[in-house]
Amino acid sequence: MLQARTAGQEPSFEMIKRLADEFRTTLTATAAQFVLNNERRVRADFVPPTAGDYGSFFRPGFSFWLHDDERIHGHSCAAEVNETKRMSRSSEIEADFWLKEFEGDHKSYITEDAVYFPTLRRALSLLWIHEAI
């Protein structure tokens, strides 16, 4: 059912929230199902406020890896969200901010959409790899 409703659409938490409302599911559960069942070039991660364990759900076809040190780049959307700013999105996030294959490459970009969950004190960050990469 998700594929029919999301075909040809750019992944975003706005779209995922509409689906969650329609299916009466949580944003997290809907994001997980979207990533696991729909998009090969999308990954979602629960990001702690400082370096630490990520909680990830991503499709096996996702062939990129996060930096080993689990750092959160200060210019990523995940670093911008907090108690007062709950959502952030950018289609021009340097791939190097998240993906270790692009370390030092300042020419490749991904889209990041992040939403903050105050009860978890974590952000859920949706990473979408552009076709050009």
N, C-alpha and C. Protein backbone atom coordinates (compact mmCIF):
# COMPACT_ATOMS: atom_id res chain seq x y z
N MET A 1 0.81 -1.19 0.00
CA MET A 1 0.00 0.00 0.00
C MET A 1 0.86 1.26 0.00
N LEU A 2 2.01 1.18 0.67
CA LEU A 2 2.89 2.34 0.70
C LEU A 2 3.44 2.67 -0.69
N GLN A 3 3.85 1.65 -1.42
CA GLN A 3 4.44 1.89 -2.74
C GLN A 3 3.48 2.62 -3.65
N ALA A 4 2.22 2.26 -3.64
CA ALA A 4 1.24 2.93 -4.49
C ALA A 4 1.07 4.39 -4.12
N ARG A 5 1.17 4.70 -2.84
CA ARG A 5 0.95 6.07 -2.38
C ARG A 5 2.20 6.94 -2.46
N THR A 6 3.36 6.32 -2.62
CA THR A 6 4.61 7.10 -2.61
C THR A 6 5.37 7.06 -3.93
N ALA A 7 4.89 6.34 -4.89
CA ALA A 7 5.59 6.22 -6.18
C ALA A 7 5.86 7.59 -6.78
N GLY A 8 7.10 7.82 -7.13
CA GLY A 8 7.50 9.05 -7.79
C GLY A 8 7.64 10.25 -6.88
N GLN A 9 7.40 10.09 -5.58
CA GLN A 9 7.52 11.20 -4.64
C GLN A 9 8.88 11.21 -3.97
N GLU A 10 9.38 12.39 -3.69
CA GLU A 10 10.64 12.52 -2.97
C GLU A 10 10.38 12.17 -1.50
N PRO A 11 11.22 11.32 -0.90
CA PRO A 11 11.03 10.96 0.50
C PRO A 11 11.10 12.20 1.39
N SER A 12 10.19 12.28 2.36
CA SER A 12 10.20 13.38 3.32
C SER A 12 9.36 12.98 4.52
N PHE A 13 9.63 13.63 5.65
CA PHE A 13 8.81 13.38 6.82
C PHE A 13 7.41 13.97 6.64
N GLU A 14 7.27 14.97 5.82
CA GLU A 14 5.95 15.51 5.53
C GLU A 14 5.08 14.43 4.87
N MET A 15 5.65 13.74 3.88
CA MET A 15 4.93 12.66 3.21
C MET A 15 4.68 11.50 4.19
N ILE A 16 5.68 11.15 4.97
CA ILE A 16 5.55 10.05 5.93
C ILE A 16 4.52 10.38 7.00
N LYS A 17 4.45 11.63 7.44
CA LYS A 17 3.44 12.04 8.41
C LYS A 17 2.03 11.90 7.83
N ARG A 18 1.84 12.29 6.57
CA ARG A 18 0.52 12.12 5.93
C ARG A 18 0.13 10.64 5.91
N LEU A 19 1.10 9.78 5.58
CA LEU A 19 0.82 8.34 5.56
C LEU A 19 0.50 7.82 6.96
N ALA A 20 1.26 8.29 7.96
CA ALA A 20 1.01 7.87 9.35
C ALA A 20 -0.39 8.27 9.78
N ASP A 21 -0.80 9.46 9.42
CA ASP A 21 -2.15 9.90 9.75
C ASP A 21 -3.20 9.03 9.05
N GLU A 22 -2.96 8.75 7.77
CA GLU A 22 -3.90 7.94 6.99
C GLU A 22 -4.03 6.53 7.56
N PHE A 23 -2.88 5.91 7.89
CA PHE A 23 -2.88 4.53 8.39
C PHE A 23 -3.05 4.44 9.91
N ARG A 24 -3.05 5.61 10.57
CA ARG A 24 -3.17 5.67 12.03
C ARG A 24 -2.05 4.88 12.71
N THR A 25 -0.85 5.18 12.25
CA THR A 25 0.36 4.57 12.81
C THR A 25 1.28 5.68 13.29
N THR A 26 2.32 5.31 14.02
CA THR A 26 3.26 6.32 14.49
C THR A 26 4.16 6.77 13.33
N LEU A 27 4.74 7.94 13.50
CA LEU A 27 5.68 8.45 12.51
C LEU A 27 6.87 7.51 12.37
N THR A 28 7.36 7.01 13.49
CA THR A 28 8.51 6.10 13.48
C THR A 28 8.19 4.80 12.75
N ALA A 29 7.05 4.19 13.06
CA ALA A 29 6.67 2.93 12.41
C ALA A 29 6.46 3.13 10.91
N THR A 30 5.86 4.24 10.54
CA THR A 30 5.62 4.51 9.12
C THR A 30 6.92 4.77 8.39
N ALA A 31 7.84 5.52 9.02
CA ALA A 31 9.16 5.77 8.42
C ALA A 31 9.90 4.45 8.22
N ALA A 32 9.84 3.58 9.22
CA ALA A 32 10.52 2.28 9.12
C ALA A 32 9.96 1.48 7.96
N GLN A 33 8.65 1.41 7.85
CA GLN A 33 8.03 0.65 6.77
C GLN A 33 8.34 1.27 5.41
N PHE A 34 8.36 2.59 5.34
CA PHE A 34 8.69 3.25 4.09
C PHE A 34 10.11 2.88 3.65
N VAL A 35 11.05 2.99 4.58
CA VAL A 35 12.46 2.69 4.26
C VAL A 35 12.65 1.22 3.93
N LEU A 36 12.08 0.34 4.74
CA LEU A 36 12.27 -1.09 4.54
C LEU A 36 11.60 -1.65 3.29
N ASN A 37 10.52 -1.04 2.89
CA ASN A 37 9.73 -1.63 1.81
C ASN A 37 9.64 -0.81 0.52
N ASN A 38 10.28 0.33 0.47
CA ASN A 38 10.03 1.17 -0.68
C ASN A 38 11.28 1.67 -1.38
N GLU A 39 12.15 2.31 -0.68
CA GLU A 39 13.25 3.02 -1.32
C GLU A 39 14.60 2.35 -1.07
N ARG A 40 15.31 2.08 -2.12
CA ARG A 40 16.65 1.50 -1.99
C ARG A 40 17.69 2.53 -1.61
N ARG A 41 17.47 3.78 -1.90
CA ARG A 41 18.48 4.81 -1.67
C ARG A 41 18.15 5.68 -0.46
N VAL A 42 17.37 5.13 0.46
CA VAL A 42 16.97 5.87 1.65
C VAL A 42 17.38 5.08 2.89
N ARG A 43 17.83 5.79 3.89
CA ARG A 43 18.19 5.19 5.17
C ARG A 43 17.63 6.10 6.26
N ALA A 44 17.21 5.54 7.35
CA ALA A 44 16.74 6.32 8.49
C ALA A 44 17.50 5.88 9.73
N ASP A 45 17.91 6.87 10.53
CA ASP A 45 18.67 6.59 11.74
C ASP A 45 18.16 7.41 12.90
N PHE A 46 18.03 6.78 14.07
CA PHE A 46 17.80 7.53 15.30
C PHE A 46 19.16 8.04 15.74
N VAL A 47 19.26 9.34 15.90
CA VAL A 47 20.53 9.98 16.18
C VAL A 47 20.52 10.51 17.60
N PRO A 48 21.49 10.08 18.43
CA PRO A 48 21.57 10.62 19.79
C PRO A 48 22.11 12.04 19.75
N PRO A 49 21.91 12.83 20.81
CA PRO A 49 22.38 14.21 20.79
C PRO A 49 23.90 14.34 20.73
N THR A 50 24.62 13.30 21.14
CA THR A 50 26.07 13.28 21.00
C THR A 50 26.44 11.93 20.40
N ALA A 51 27.71 11.75 20.07
CA ALA A 51 28.13 10.49 19.46
C ALA A 51 27.72 9.32 20.34
N GLY A 52 27.27 8.27 19.72
CA GLY A 52 26.82 7.09 20.46
C GLY A 52 26.16 6.12 19.51
N ASP A 53 25.42 5.21 20.06
CA ASP A 53 24.79 4.17 19.24
C ASP A 53 23.64 4.73 18.42
N TYR A 54 23.70 4.48 17.12
CA TYR A 54 22.60 4.81 16.25
C TYR A 54 21.61 3.66 16.30
N GLY A 55 20.36 3.97 16.10
CA GLY A 55 19.35 2.94 15.91
C GLY A 55 18.92 3.05 14.46
N SER A 56 19.19 2.08 13.65
CA SER A 56 18.97 2.21 12.22
C SER A 56 17.95 1.22 11.70
N PHE A 57 17.26 1.64 10.66
CA PHE A 57 16.50 0.71 9.86
C PHE A 57 16.70 1.14 8.42
N PHE A 58 17.25 0.24 7.64
CA PHE A 58 17.52 0.57 6.26
C PHE A 58 17.41 -0.69 5.42
N ARG A 59 17.13 -0.49 4.18
CA ARG A 59 16.95 -1.61 3.26
C ARG A 59 18.30 -2.24 2.93
N PRO A 60 18.37 -3.55 2.79
CA PRO A 60 19.64 -4.22 2.49
C PRO A 60 20.34 -3.67 1.25
N GLY A 61 19.63 -3.10 0.30
CA GLY A 61 20.25 -2.55 -0.90
C GLY A 61 20.98 -1.24 -0.68
N PHE A 62 20.88 -0.66 0.51
CA PHE A 62 21.57 0.59 0.81
C PHE A 62 23.05 0.29 0.96
N SER A 63 23.87 0.81 0.05
CA SER A 63 25.27 0.39 -0.01
C SER A 63 26.25 1.41 0.58
N PHE A 64 25.76 2.38 1.31
CA PHE A 64 26.63 3.40 1.90
C PHE A 64 26.71 3.20 3.41
N TRP A 65 27.82 3.66 4.01
CA TRP A 65 28.03 3.44 5.44
C TRP A 65 28.24 4.77 6.15
N LEU A 66 27.73 4.85 7.38
CA LEU A 66 27.96 6.03 8.20
C LEU A 66 29.41 6.04 8.68
N HIS A 67 29.89 7.20 9.05
CA HIS A 67 31.24 7.30 9.60
C HIS A 67 31.38 6.38 10.80
N ASP A 68 32.53 5.75 10.93
CA ASP A 68 32.78 4.80 12.01
C ASP A 68 32.69 5.43 13.39
N ASP A 69 33.07 6.69 13.50
CA ASP A 69 33.09 7.32 14.82
C ASP A 69 31.71 7.79 15.26
N GLU A 70 30.68 7.53 14.44
CA GLU A 70 29.30 7.86 14.75
C GLU A 70 29.14 9.33 15.12
N ARG A 71 29.90 10.16 14.47
CA ARG A 71 29.83 11.59 14.75
C ARG A 71 28.58 12.20 14.12
N ILE A 72 28.14 13.27 14.69
CA ILE A 72 27.04 14.04 14.12
C ILE A 72 27.65 15.35 13.65
N HIS A 73 27.66 15.57 12.36
CA HIS A 73 28.25 16.78 11.83
C HIS A 73 27.42 17.98 12.26
N GLY A 74 28.09 19.03 12.67
CA GLY A 74 27.41 20.22 13.18
C GLY A 74 26.53 20.93 12.17
N HIS A 75 26.72 20.67 10.88
CA HIS A 75 25.91 21.30 9.84
C HIS A 75 24.85 20.36 9.27
N SER A 76 24.67 19.21 9.89
CA SER A 76 23.62 18.29 9.43
C SER A 76 22.28 18.74 9.99
N CYS A 77 21.21 18.29 9.39
CA CYS A 77 19.87 18.61 9.91
C CYS A 77 19.66 18.00 11.29
N ALA A 78 20.21 16.82 11.53
CA ALA A 78 20.07 16.17 12.83
C ALA A 78 20.67 17.02 13.94
N ALA A 79 21.73 17.75 13.64
CA ALA A 79 22.36 18.61 14.64
C ALA A 79 21.53 19.86 14.91
N GLU A 80 20.66 20.22 13.99
CA GLU A 80 19.85 21.44 14.13
C GLU A 80 18.57 21.24 14.94
N VAL A 81 18.06 20.02 14.99
CA VAL A 81 16.77 19.82 15.66
C VAL A 81 16.96 19.63 17.16
N ASN A 82 15.97 20.13 17.91
CA ASN A 82 16.04 20.07 19.37
C ASN A 82 14.65 20.38 19.94
N GLU A 83 14.59 20.70 21.22
CA GLU A 83 13.32 20.98 21.89
C GLU A 83 12.55 22.13 21.23
N THR A 84 13.26 23.12 20.71
CA THR A 84 12.58 24.28 20.14
C THR A 84 12.43 24.22 18.63
N LYS A 85 13.35 23.59 17.95
CA LYS A 85 13.25 23.41 16.49
C LYS A 85 13.07 21.93 16.22
N ARG A 86 11.85 21.50 15.95
CA ARG A 86 11.53 20.09 15.89
C ARG A 86 11.82 19.44 14.54
N MET A 87 11.90 20.23 13.44
CA MET A 87 12.13 19.64 12.12
C MET A 87 13.14 20.48 11.33
N SER A 88 13.91 19.80 10.49
CA SER A 88 14.86 20.47 9.60
C SER A 88 15.03 19.62 8.36
N ARG A 89 15.12 20.28 7.21
CA ARG A 89 15.28 19.57 5.94
C ARG A 89 16.20 20.37 5.02
N SER A 90 17.05 19.64 4.31
CA SER A 90 17.91 20.27 3.31
C SER A 90 18.22 19.27 2.21
N SER A 91 18.16 19.74 0.97
CA SER A 91 18.52 18.88 -0.16
C SER A 91 19.98 19.09 -0.55
N GLU A 92 20.70 19.88 0.23
CA GLU A 92 22.10 20.15 -0.08
C GLU A 92 23.00 19.88 1.12
N ILE A 93 22.87 18.69 1.68
CA ILE A 93 23.76 18.26 2.76
C ILE A 93 24.94 17.55 2.12
N GLU A 94 26.14 17.96 2.47
CA GLU A 94 27.31 17.28 1.91
C GLU A 94 27.28 15.82 2.33
N ALA A 95 27.48 14.93 1.37
CA ALA A 95 27.48 13.49 1.64
C ALA A 95 28.50 13.15 2.72
N ASP A 96 29.59 13.89 2.76
CA ASP A 96 30.64 13.67 3.75
C ASP A 96 30.14 13.85 5.18
N PHE A 97 29.10 14.63 5.38
CA PHE A 97 28.58 14.83 6.73
C PHE A 97 28.13 13.52 7.36
N TRP A 98 27.68 12.57 6.54
CA TRP A 98 27.14 11.31 7.02
C TRP A 98 27.89 10.07 6.52
N LEU A 99 28.29 10.06 5.27
CA LEU A 99 28.75 8.84 4.61
C LEU A 99 30.27 8.80 4.49
N LYS A 100 30.86 7.73 5.00
CA LYS A 100 32.31 7.68 5.03
C LYS A 100 32.94 7.52 3.65
N GLU A 101 32.20 7.01 2.66
CA GLU A 101 32.75 6.87 1.32
C GLU A 101 33.05 8.22 0.68
N PHE A 102 32.51 9.29 1.24
CA PHE A 102 32.66 10.61 0.65
C PHE A 102 33.50 11.55 1.50
N GLU A 103 34.27 10.98 2.43
CA GLU A 103 35.11 11.79 3.30
C GLU A 103 36.05 12.65 2.46
N GLY A 104 36.03 13.95 2.70
CA GLY A 104 36.87 14.89 1.96
C GLY A 104 36.27 15.34 0.64
N ASP A 105 35.17 14.76 0.22
CA ASP A 105 34.50 15.13 -1.03
C ASP A 105 33.47 16.22 -0.71
N HIS A 106 33.68 17.40 -1.21
CA HIS A 106 32.77 18.50 -0.93
C HIS A 106 31.90 18.83 -2.15
N LYS A 107 31.73 17.85 -3.04
CA LYS A 107 30.96 18.07 -4.27
C LYS A 107 29.73 17.18 -4.36
N SER A 108 29.61 16.18 -3.50
CA SER A 108 28.48 15.25 -3.54
C SER A 108 27.50 15.60 -2.43
N TYR A 109 26.21 15.61 -2.80
CA TYR A 109 25.18 16.02 -1.84
C TYR A 109 24.09 14.96 -1.70
N ILE A 110 23.48 14.94 -0.52
CA ILE A 110 22.34 14.10 -0.24
C ILE A 110 21.24 14.99 0.33
N THR A 111 20.04 14.44 0.44
CA THR A 111 18.96 15.14 1.12
C THR A 111 18.82 14.54 2.51
N GLU A 112 18.66 15.41 3.49
CA GLU A 112 18.43 14.96 4.86
C GLU A 112 17.18 15.64 5.39
N ASP A 113 16.37 14.88 6.06
CA ASP A 113 15.16 15.38 6.70
C ASP A 113 15.21 14.84 8.12
N ALA A 114 15.17 15.71 9.11
CA ALA A 114 15.29 15.28 10.51
C ALA A 114 14.11 15.80 11.32
N VAL A 115 13.66 14.99 12.24
CA VAL A 115 12.60 15.37 13.17
C VAL A 115 13.06 14.98 14.58
N TYR A 116 12.79 15.84 15.55
CA TYR A 116 13.22 15.62 16.92
C TYR A 116 12.09 15.04 17.76
N PHE A 117 12.42 14.02 18.54
CA PHE A 117 11.47 13.39 19.46
C PHE A 117 11.89 13.75 20.89
N PRO A 118 11.21 14.69 21.53
CA PRO A 118 11.63 15.14 22.86
C PRO A 118 11.62 14.03 23.91
N THR A 119 10.67 13.12 23.84
CA THR A 119 10.62 12.06 24.85
C THR A 119 11.80 11.11 24.74
N LEU A 120 12.34 10.95 23.54
CA LEU A 120 13.51 10.08 23.34
C LEU A 120 14.83 10.86 23.43
N ARG A 121 14.73 12.19 23.34
CA ARG A 121 15.90 13.07 23.27
C ARG A 121 16.81 12.65 22.12
N ARG A 122 16.18 12.30 21.00
CA ARG A 122 16.90 11.90 19.79
C ARG A 122 16.18 12.43 18.57
N ALA A 123 16.95 12.54 17.51
CA ALA A 123 16.37 12.90 16.22
C ALA A 123 16.24 11.64 15.38
N LEU A 124 15.24 11.63 14.53
CA LEU A 124 15.14 10.60 13.51
C LEU A 124 15.51 11.29 12.21
N SER A 125 16.57 10.83 11.59
CA SER A 125 17.09 11.46 10.39
C SER A 125 16.89 10.55 9.20
N LEU A 126 16.27 11.08 8.16
CA LEU A 126 16.02 10.36 6.92
C LEU A 126 17.05 10.85 5.90
N LEU A 127 17.87 9.94 5.39
CA LEU A 127 18.90 10.28 4.41
C LEU A 127 18.50 9.72 3.06
N TRP A 128 18.49 10.56 2.06
CA TRP A 128 18.13 10.15 0.71
C TRP A 128 19.31 10.43 -0.21
N ILE A 129 19.83 9.38 -0.84
CA ILE A 129 20.97 9.48 -1.72
C ILE A 129 20.50 9.90 -3.11
N HIS A 130 21.04 10.99 -3.60
CA HIS A 130 20.67 11.48 -4.93
C HIS A 130 21.15 10.51 -6.00
N GLU A 131 20.43 10.46 -7.10
CA GLU A 131 20.77 9.57 -8.22
C GLU A 131 22.17 9.85 -8.77
N ALA A 132 22.62 11.09 -8.72
CA ALA A 132 23.93 11.47 -9.27
C ALA A 132 25.08 10.77 -8.53
N ILE A 133 24.85 10.38 -7.30
CA ILE A 133 25.88 9.68 -6.52
C ILE A 133 25.80 8.24 -6.90
